[in-house]
């Protein structure tokens, strides 16, 4: 539905930065109605291994170990929350190179935004072909133009 003012819901998308609170640094804002949004990322829940490697709470069953993408996130828009949440985690594991084609070919009713902040602070952004149109995505200043894969 719509918000109390009868407008589309505005949902902030955080930059995937460790040690920030929700809403501290936004990459952009989604303008949505009649759908669900879920984000999966490694920037809030991470730990250091005995070998001093940073790992996150998301486990890649293909590799048999947790992932190290602590400055990445995937936001998925789908019909319902369960689908959005599951797809966000799966797409995060796949990464943008595999995840965008997988979503586009097998989950055409869902769209995704992949964000990555590099060590030097550069923000990389990739999305499924219909993401910007479906969400009326409003990119905030300082974030690179998304690449469609």
N, C-alpha and C. Protein backbone atom coordinates (compact mmCIF):
# COMPACT_ATOMS: atom_id res chain seq x y z
N UNK A 1 0.81 -1.19 0.00
CA UNK A 1 0.00 0.00 0.00
C UNK A 1 0.85 1.26 0.00
N UNK A 2 0.23 2.32 0.48
CA UNK A 2 0.89 3.63 0.55
C UNK A 2 1.06 4.05 1.99
N UNK A 3 1.85 5.09 2.22
CA UNK A 3 2.06 5.57 3.58
C UNK A 3 0.85 6.39 4.05
N UNK A 4 0.91 6.94 5.24
CA UNK A 4 -0.22 7.66 5.82
C UNK A 4 -0.62 8.89 5.02
N UNK A 5 0.30 9.44 4.25
CA UNK A 5 0.01 10.60 3.40
C UNK A 5 -0.50 10.19 2.02
N UNK A 6 -0.66 8.88 1.80
CA UNK A 6 -1.13 8.38 0.51
C UNK A 6 -0.05 8.33 -0.56
N UNK A 7 1.20 8.45 -0.15
CA UNK A 7 2.32 8.43 -1.10
C UNK A 7 3.03 7.09 -1.06
N UNK A 8 3.94 6.90 -2.02
CA UNK A 8 4.78 5.70 -2.02
C UNK A 8 5.64 5.67 -0.76
N UNK A 9 5.94 4.47 -0.29
CA UNK A 9 6.86 4.34 0.84
C UNK A 9 8.26 4.72 0.38
N UNK A 10 9.00 5.38 1.26
CA UNK A 10 10.40 5.73 1.01
C UNK A 10 11.25 4.85 1.92
N UNK A 11 12.11 4.05 1.31
CA UNK A 11 12.95 3.12 2.05
C UNK A 11 14.41 3.46 1.79
N UNK A 12 15.14 3.80 2.84
CA UNK A 12 16.56 4.12 2.71
C UNK A 12 17.39 2.86 2.55
N UNK A 13 18.40 2.94 1.69
CA UNK A 13 19.34 1.84 1.50
C UNK A 13 20.69 2.29 2.03
N UNK A 14 21.15 1.63 3.08
CA UNK A 14 22.43 1.98 3.70
C UNK A 14 23.61 1.64 2.81
N UNK A 15 24.65 2.46 2.88
CA UNK A 15 25.93 2.06 2.32
C UNK A 15 26.47 0.94 3.19
N UNK A 16 27.05 -0.09 2.62
CA UNK A 16 27.56 -1.21 3.42
C UNK A 16 28.90 -0.87 4.08
N UNK A 17 28.82 -0.11 5.15
CA UNK A 17 30.02 0.33 5.86
C UNK A 17 30.04 -0.26 7.27
N UNK A 18 31.12 -0.97 7.62
CA UNK A 18 31.23 -1.50 8.98
C UNK A 18 31.19 -0.38 10.01
N UNK A 19 30.70 -0.71 11.18
CA UNK A 19 30.71 0.20 12.33
C UNK A 19 29.85 1.45 12.13
N UNK A 20 28.79 1.36 11.34
CA UNK A 20 27.82 2.45 11.22
C UNK A 20 26.47 1.94 11.70
N UNK A 21 25.64 2.85 12.11
CA UNK A 21 24.29 2.50 12.55
C UNK A 21 23.33 2.61 11.36
N UNK A 22 22.22 1.89 11.42
CA UNK A 22 21.24 2.00 10.32
C UNK A 22 20.84 3.46 10.09
N UNK A 23 20.89 3.88 8.83
CA UNK A 23 20.51 5.24 8.47
C UNK A 23 21.62 6.27 8.54
N UNK A 24 22.80 5.89 9.06
CA UNK A 24 23.92 6.84 9.16
C UNK A 24 24.38 7.34 7.80
N UNK A 25 24.56 6.44 6.85
CA UNK A 25 25.07 6.79 5.51
C UNK A 25 24.24 6.06 4.48
N UNK A 26 23.39 6.77 3.78
CA UNK A 26 22.53 6.15 2.77
C UNK A 26 23.14 6.24 1.38
N UNK A 27 23.00 5.15 0.62
CA UNK A 27 23.39 5.14 -0.78
C UNK A 27 22.28 5.73 -1.62
N UNK A 28 21.03 5.51 -1.19
CA UNK A 28 19.89 5.99 -1.95
C UNK A 28 18.58 5.69 -1.26
N UNK A 29 17.50 6.04 -1.93
CA UNK A 29 16.16 5.85 -1.39
C UNK A 29 15.30 5.17 -2.44
N UNK A 30 14.56 4.15 -2.01
CA UNK A 30 13.60 3.47 -2.87
C UNK A 30 12.23 4.09 -2.66
N UNK A 31 11.44 4.18 -3.71
CA UNK A 31 10.07 4.69 -3.64
C UNK A 31 9.18 3.54 -4.11
N UNK A 32 8.44 2.93 -3.18
CA UNK A 32 7.77 1.66 -3.46
C UNK A 32 6.34 1.60 -2.96
N UNK A 33 5.60 0.65 -3.52
CA UNK A 33 4.28 0.28 -3.02
C UNK A 33 4.02 -1.18 -3.38
N UNK A 34 3.24 -1.85 -2.56
CA UNK A 34 2.77 -3.21 -2.82
C UNK A 34 3.88 -4.22 -3.10
N UNK A 35 4.92 -4.20 -2.28
CA UNK A 35 6.01 -5.16 -2.43
C UNK A 35 6.77 -5.25 -1.11
N UNK A 36 7.78 -6.08 -1.08
CA UNK A 36 8.61 -6.24 0.11
C UNK A 36 10.07 -5.97 -0.26
N UNK A 37 10.85 -5.56 0.73
CA UNK A 37 12.27 -5.25 0.54
C UNK A 37 13.07 -5.98 1.61
N UNK A 38 14.19 -6.57 1.20
CA UNK A 38 15.11 -7.19 2.16
C UNK A 38 16.53 -6.91 1.71
N UNK A 39 17.42 -6.72 2.68
CA UNK A 39 18.83 -6.49 2.38
C UNK A 39 19.65 -7.54 3.10
N UNK A 40 20.64 -8.07 2.39
CA UNK A 40 21.60 -9.00 2.97
C UNK A 40 22.98 -8.39 2.82
N UNK A 41 23.76 -8.45 3.88
CA UNK A 41 25.08 -7.85 3.80
C UNK A 41 25.98 -8.33 4.92
N UNK A 42 27.24 -8.04 4.77
CA UNK A 42 28.22 -8.48 5.75
C UNK A 42 28.78 -7.36 6.59
N UNK A 43 28.23 -6.19 6.50
CA UNK A 43 28.83 -5.02 7.15
C UNK A 43 28.42 -4.83 8.60
N UNK A 44 27.40 -5.50 9.09
CA UNK A 44 26.98 -5.34 10.48
C UNK A 44 27.41 -6.51 11.37
N UNK A 45 27.48 -7.71 10.82
CA UNK A 45 27.79 -8.88 11.62
C UNK A 45 29.02 -9.57 11.04
N UNK A 46 30.16 -9.27 11.61
CA UNK A 46 31.41 -9.85 11.15
C UNK A 46 32.27 -10.17 12.35
N UNK A 47 33.25 -11.02 12.12
CA UNK A 47 34.19 -11.38 13.18
C UNK A 47 35.55 -11.61 12.55
N UNK A 48 36.56 -11.70 13.38
CA UNK A 48 37.91 -11.95 12.92
C UNK A 48 38.30 -13.37 13.31
N UNK A 49 38.87 -14.11 12.37
CA UNK A 49 39.30 -15.47 12.64
C UNK A 49 40.63 -15.45 13.38
N UNK A 50 41.07 -16.62 13.82
CA UNK A 50 42.37 -16.74 14.49
C UNK A 50 43.51 -16.28 13.58
N UNK A 51 43.31 -16.44 12.27
CA UNK A 51 44.32 -15.99 11.30
C UNK A 51 44.19 -14.52 10.95
N UNK A 52 43.31 -13.79 11.68
CA UNK A 52 43.09 -12.35 11.51
C UNK A 52 42.37 -11.98 10.22
N UNK A 53 41.65 -12.93 9.63
CA UNK A 53 40.82 -12.64 8.46
C UNK A 53 39.42 -12.24 8.93
N UNK A 54 38.86 -11.22 8.30
CA UNK A 54 37.49 -10.82 8.62
C UNK A 54 36.53 -11.72 7.85
N UNK A 55 35.60 -12.35 8.56
CA UNK A 55 34.56 -13.15 7.93
C UNK A 55 33.21 -12.65 8.42
N UNK A 56 32.17 -12.94 7.65
CA UNK A 56 30.84 -12.48 8.00
C UNK A 56 29.95 -13.66 8.35
N UNK A 57 28.73 -13.38 8.74
CA UNK A 57 27.80 -14.41 9.20
C UNK A 57 27.15 -15.21 8.07
N UNK A 58 27.38 -14.84 6.81
CA UNK A 58 26.78 -15.54 5.69
C UNK A 58 27.74 -16.62 5.21
N UNK A 59 27.22 -17.84 5.16
CA UNK A 59 28.00 -19.03 4.83
C UNK A 59 27.74 -19.44 3.40
N UNK A 60 28.80 -19.65 2.63
CA UNK A 60 28.68 -20.13 1.26
C UNK A 60 28.84 -21.64 1.26
N UNK A 61 27.73 -22.35 1.08
CA UNK A 61 27.76 -23.80 1.08
C UNK A 61 28.60 -24.39 -0.04
N UNK A 62 28.77 -23.64 -1.13
CA UNK A 62 29.61 -24.13 -2.23
C UNK A 62 31.07 -24.20 -1.83
N UNK A 63 31.49 -23.27 -0.97
CA UNK A 63 32.88 -23.20 -0.53
C UNK A 63 33.10 -23.91 0.80
N UNK A 64 32.02 -24.09 1.55
CA UNK A 64 32.13 -24.71 2.87
C UNK A 64 32.71 -23.79 3.92
N UNK A 65 32.51 -22.48 3.74
CA UNK A 65 33.06 -21.53 4.73
C UNK A 65 32.29 -20.20 4.65
N UNK A 66 32.46 -19.36 5.67
CA UNK A 66 31.82 -18.04 5.63
C UNK A 66 32.49 -17.14 4.61
N UNK A 67 31.73 -16.17 4.13
CA UNK A 67 32.24 -15.22 3.14
C UNK A 67 33.03 -14.10 3.80
N UNK A 68 33.79 -13.37 2.99
CA UNK A 68 34.61 -12.27 3.50
C UNK A 68 34.16 -10.91 2.97
N UNK A 69 33.00 -10.85 2.30
CA UNK A 69 32.53 -9.60 1.69
C UNK A 69 31.91 -8.68 2.74
N UNK A 70 32.72 -8.06 3.58
CA UNK A 70 32.18 -7.27 4.67
C UNK A 70 31.75 -5.86 4.26
N UNK A 71 32.05 -5.45 3.05
CA UNK A 71 31.66 -4.12 2.57
C UNK A 71 30.74 -4.22 1.36
N UNK A 72 29.86 -5.22 1.37
CA UNK A 72 28.94 -5.43 0.27
C UNK A 72 27.55 -5.68 0.82
N UNK A 73 26.54 -5.30 0.03
CA UNK A 73 25.16 -5.61 0.38
C UNK A 73 24.36 -5.84 -0.89
N UNK A 74 23.24 -6.55 -0.74
CA UNK A 74 22.31 -6.77 -1.82
C UNK A 74 20.92 -6.47 -1.29
N UNK A 75 20.22 -5.55 -1.93
CA UNK A 75 18.84 -5.22 -1.58
C UNK A 75 17.94 -5.77 -2.68
N UNK A 76 16.95 -6.57 -2.27
CA UNK A 76 16.03 -7.20 -3.22
C UNK A 76 14.61 -6.71 -2.96
N UNK A 77 13.90 -6.43 -4.04
CA UNK A 77 12.49 -6.07 -4.01
C UNK A 77 11.73 -7.22 -4.66
N UNK A 78 10.74 -7.76 -3.94
CA UNK A 78 9.96 -8.88 -4.44
C UNK A 78 8.51 -8.75 -3.95
N UNK A 79 7.68 -9.70 -4.33
CA UNK A 79 6.26 -9.66 -3.94
C UNK A 79 6.03 -9.79 -2.45
N UNK A 80 6.86 -10.60 -1.77
CA UNK A 80 6.66 -10.82 -0.34
C UNK A 80 8.00 -10.87 0.38
N UNK A 81 7.95 -10.73 1.69
CA UNK A 81 9.17 -10.65 2.49
C UNK A 81 10.00 -11.91 2.49
N UNK A 82 9.35 -13.07 2.53
CA UNK A 82 10.09 -14.33 2.53
C UNK A 82 10.91 -14.48 1.25
N UNK A 83 10.31 -14.18 0.12
CA UNK A 83 11.01 -14.26 -1.16
C UNK A 83 12.14 -13.24 -1.22
N UNK A 84 11.87 -12.00 -0.84
CA UNK A 84 12.90 -10.95 -0.87
C UNK A 84 14.09 -11.34 0.01
N UNK A 85 13.82 -11.86 1.20
CA UNK A 85 14.89 -12.21 2.13
C UNK A 85 15.73 -13.37 1.59
N UNK A 86 15.08 -14.41 1.12
CA UNK A 86 15.82 -15.54 0.57
C UNK A 86 16.65 -15.18 -0.64
N UNK A 87 16.06 -14.39 -1.53
CA UNK A 87 16.79 -13.98 -2.73
C UNK A 87 17.95 -13.05 -2.41
N UNK A 88 17.78 -12.19 -1.41
CA UNK A 88 18.87 -11.28 -1.03
C UNK A 88 20.08 -12.07 -0.54
N UNK A 89 19.85 -13.09 0.28
CA UNK A 89 20.96 -13.90 0.78
C UNK A 89 21.60 -14.69 -0.35
N UNK A 90 20.79 -15.33 -1.20
CA UNK A 90 21.34 -16.10 -2.32
C UNK A 90 22.12 -15.21 -3.28
N UNK A 91 21.58 -14.04 -3.59
CA UNK A 91 22.26 -13.12 -4.50
C UNK A 91 23.56 -12.60 -3.89
N UNK A 92 23.56 -12.38 -2.58
CA UNK A 92 24.78 -11.94 -1.90
C UNK A 92 25.87 -13.00 -2.06
N UNK A 93 25.51 -14.26 -1.85
CA UNK A 93 26.48 -15.34 -1.99
C UNK A 93 27.02 -15.40 -3.42
N UNK A 94 26.15 -15.23 -4.39
CA UNK A 94 26.56 -15.29 -5.79
C UNK A 94 27.39 -14.09 -6.22
N UNK A 95 27.13 -12.91 -5.65
CA UNK A 95 27.79 -11.68 -6.08
C UNK A 95 27.16 -11.16 -7.36
N UNK A 96 27.49 -9.94 -7.78
CA UNK A 96 26.82 -9.34 -8.94
C UNK A 96 27.05 -10.06 -10.27
N UNK A 97 28.24 -10.61 -10.47
CA UNK A 97 28.52 -11.26 -11.76
C UNK A 97 27.62 -12.47 -12.01
N UNK A 98 27.38 -13.27 -10.99
CA UNK A 98 26.50 -14.43 -11.12
C UNK A 98 25.07 -14.10 -10.70
N UNK A 99 24.93 -13.24 -9.70
CA UNK A 99 23.62 -12.97 -9.11
C UNK A 99 22.65 -12.24 -10.01
N UNK A 100 23.13 -11.26 -10.76
CA UNK A 100 22.24 -10.49 -11.63
C UNK A 100 21.66 -11.37 -12.74
N UNK A 101 22.49 -12.14 -13.46
CA UNK A 101 21.90 -13.02 -14.48
C UNK A 101 20.96 -14.07 -13.87
N UNK A 102 21.32 -14.61 -12.71
CA UNK A 102 20.48 -15.62 -12.06
C UNK A 102 19.11 -15.03 -11.71
N UNK A 103 19.10 -13.86 -11.10
CA UNK A 103 17.82 -13.22 -10.77
C UNK A 103 17.03 -12.89 -12.03
N UNK A 104 17.68 -12.33 -13.02
CA UNK A 104 17.00 -11.93 -14.25
C UNK A 104 16.40 -13.14 -14.97
N UNK A 105 17.11 -14.25 -15.00
CA UNK A 105 16.64 -15.43 -15.72
C UNK A 105 15.64 -16.29 -14.95
N UNK A 106 15.76 -16.32 -13.61
CA UNK A 106 14.95 -17.24 -12.82
C UNK A 106 13.94 -16.57 -11.89
N UNK A 107 14.11 -15.30 -11.62
CA UNK A 107 13.23 -14.57 -10.70
C UNK A 107 12.87 -13.22 -11.29
N UNK A 108 12.26 -13.21 -12.43
CA UNK A 108 11.97 -11.96 -13.14
C UNK A 108 11.02 -11.04 -12.38
N UNK A 109 10.30 -11.56 -11.38
CA UNK A 109 9.40 -10.73 -10.58
C UNK A 109 10.15 -10.03 -9.44
N UNK A 110 11.44 -10.26 -9.34
CA UNK A 110 12.25 -9.62 -8.30
C UNK A 110 13.34 -8.78 -8.96
N UNK A 111 13.77 -7.74 -8.25
CA UNK A 111 14.86 -6.90 -8.71
C UNK A 111 15.84 -6.66 -7.58
N UNK A 112 17.09 -6.37 -7.94
CA UNK A 112 18.12 -6.26 -6.91
C UNK A 112 19.10 -5.13 -7.19
N UNK A 113 19.64 -4.60 -6.09
CA UNK A 113 20.69 -3.60 -6.10
C UNK A 113 21.86 -4.15 -5.31
N UNK A 114 23.03 -4.25 -5.95
CA UNK A 114 24.26 -4.70 -5.30
C UNK A 114 25.10 -3.46 -5.02
N UNK A 115 25.57 -3.32 -3.79
CA UNK A 115 26.45 -2.21 -3.42
C UNK A 115 27.74 -2.76 -2.82
N UNK A 116 28.84 -2.09 -3.15
CA UNK A 116 30.13 -2.45 -2.57
C UNK A 116 30.91 -1.17 -2.33
N UNK A 117 31.49 -1.07 -1.13
CA UNK A 117 32.37 0.06 -0.82
C UNK A 117 33.79 -0.50 -0.76
N UNK A 118 34.66 0.02 -1.63
CA UNK A 118 36.03 -0.47 -1.67
C UNK A 118 36.84 0.12 -0.51
N UNK A 119 38.04 -0.41 -0.33
CA UNK A 119 38.90 0.04 0.76
C UNK A 119 39.20 1.54 0.68
N UNK A 120 39.24 2.10 -0.54
CA UNK A 120 39.51 3.53 -0.69
C UNK A 120 38.25 4.39 -0.62
N UNK A 121 37.08 3.76 -0.34
CA UNK A 121 35.84 4.51 -0.19
C UNK A 121 35.00 4.66 -1.44
N UNK A 122 35.47 4.11 -2.56
CA UNK A 122 34.70 4.16 -3.80
C UNK A 122 33.47 3.27 -3.65
N UNK A 123 32.34 3.75 -4.13
CA UNK A 123 31.11 2.97 -4.08
C UNK A 123 30.81 2.42 -5.47
N UNK A 124 30.74 1.10 -5.54
CA UNK A 124 30.36 0.44 -6.79
C UNK A 124 28.92 -0.04 -6.65
N UNK A 125 28.18 0.10 -7.71
CA UNK A 125 26.75 -0.20 -7.68
C UNK A 125 26.38 -0.94 -8.96
N UNK A 126 25.65 -2.06 -8.81
CA UNK A 126 25.14 -2.83 -9.95
C UNK A 126 23.68 -3.14 -9.65
N UNK A 127 22.87 -3.26 -10.69
CA UNK A 127 21.47 -3.60 -10.46
C UNK A 127 20.90 -4.41 -11.61
N UNK A 128 19.80 -5.09 -11.33
CA UNK A 128 19.09 -5.80 -12.37
C UNK A 128 18.49 -4.77 -13.32
N UNK A 129 18.17 -5.17 -14.55
CA UNK A 129 17.72 -4.20 -15.55
C UNK A 129 16.52 -3.35 -15.16
N UNK A 130 15.57 -3.89 -14.40
CA UNK A 130 14.36 -3.14 -14.07
C UNK A 130 14.38 -2.48 -12.69
N UNK A 131 15.50 -2.59 -11.98
CA UNK A 131 15.53 -2.11 -10.60
C UNK A 131 15.17 -0.63 -10.48
N UNK A 132 15.84 0.22 -11.23
CA UNK A 132 15.64 1.67 -11.10
C UNK A 132 14.21 2.08 -11.45
N UNK A 133 13.63 1.45 -12.45
CA UNK A 133 12.27 1.78 -12.85
C UNK A 133 11.27 1.29 -11.81
N UNK A 134 11.45 0.04 -11.38
CA UNK A 134 10.50 -0.55 -10.43
C UNK A 134 10.50 0.18 -9.09
N UNK A 135 11.65 0.62 -8.65
CA UNK A 135 11.77 1.21 -7.32
C UNK A 135 11.80 2.74 -7.34
N UNK A 136 11.87 3.32 -8.52
CA UNK A 136 12.07 4.77 -8.65
C UNK A 136 13.25 5.21 -7.79
N UNK A 137 14.33 4.44 -7.93
CA UNK A 137 15.52 4.60 -7.11
C UNK A 137 16.09 6.00 -7.21
N UNK A 138 16.27 6.61 -6.07
CA UNK A 138 16.86 7.95 -5.96
C UNK A 138 18.25 7.81 -5.38
N UNK A 139 19.26 7.90 -6.23
CA UNK A 139 20.64 7.78 -5.80
C UNK A 139 21.05 9.06 -5.11
N UNK A 140 21.75 8.93 -4.01
CA UNK A 140 22.21 10.11 -3.28
C UNK A 140 23.60 10.52 -3.77
N UNK A 141 23.97 11.75 -3.53
CA UNK A 141 25.23 12.31 -3.99
C UNK A 141 26.42 11.46 -3.57
N UNK A 142 27.37 11.33 -4.49
CA UNK A 142 28.61 10.64 -4.18
C UNK A 142 28.59 9.15 -4.49
N UNK A 143 27.47 8.63 -4.97
CA UNK A 143 27.40 7.22 -5.31
C UNK A 143 27.49 7.10 -6.82
N UNK A 144 28.30 6.15 -7.28
CA UNK A 144 28.52 5.98 -8.71
C UNK A 144 27.24 5.58 -9.44
N UNK A 145 27.22 5.77 -10.74
CA UNK A 145 26.11 5.35 -11.57
C UNK A 145 26.05 3.85 -11.63
N UNK A 146 24.85 3.25 -11.53
CA UNK A 146 24.79 1.79 -11.52
C UNK A 146 25.10 1.21 -12.89
N UNK A 147 25.70 0.06 -12.86
CA UNK A 147 25.95 -0.70 -14.09
C UNK A 147 24.89 -1.79 -14.18
N UNK A 148 24.35 -1.99 -15.33
CA UNK A 148 23.39 -3.07 -15.53
C UNK A 148 24.13 -4.21 -16.19
N UNK A 149 24.00 -5.39 -15.63
CA UNK A 149 24.70 -6.56 -16.17
C UNK A 149 23.71 -7.48 -16.80
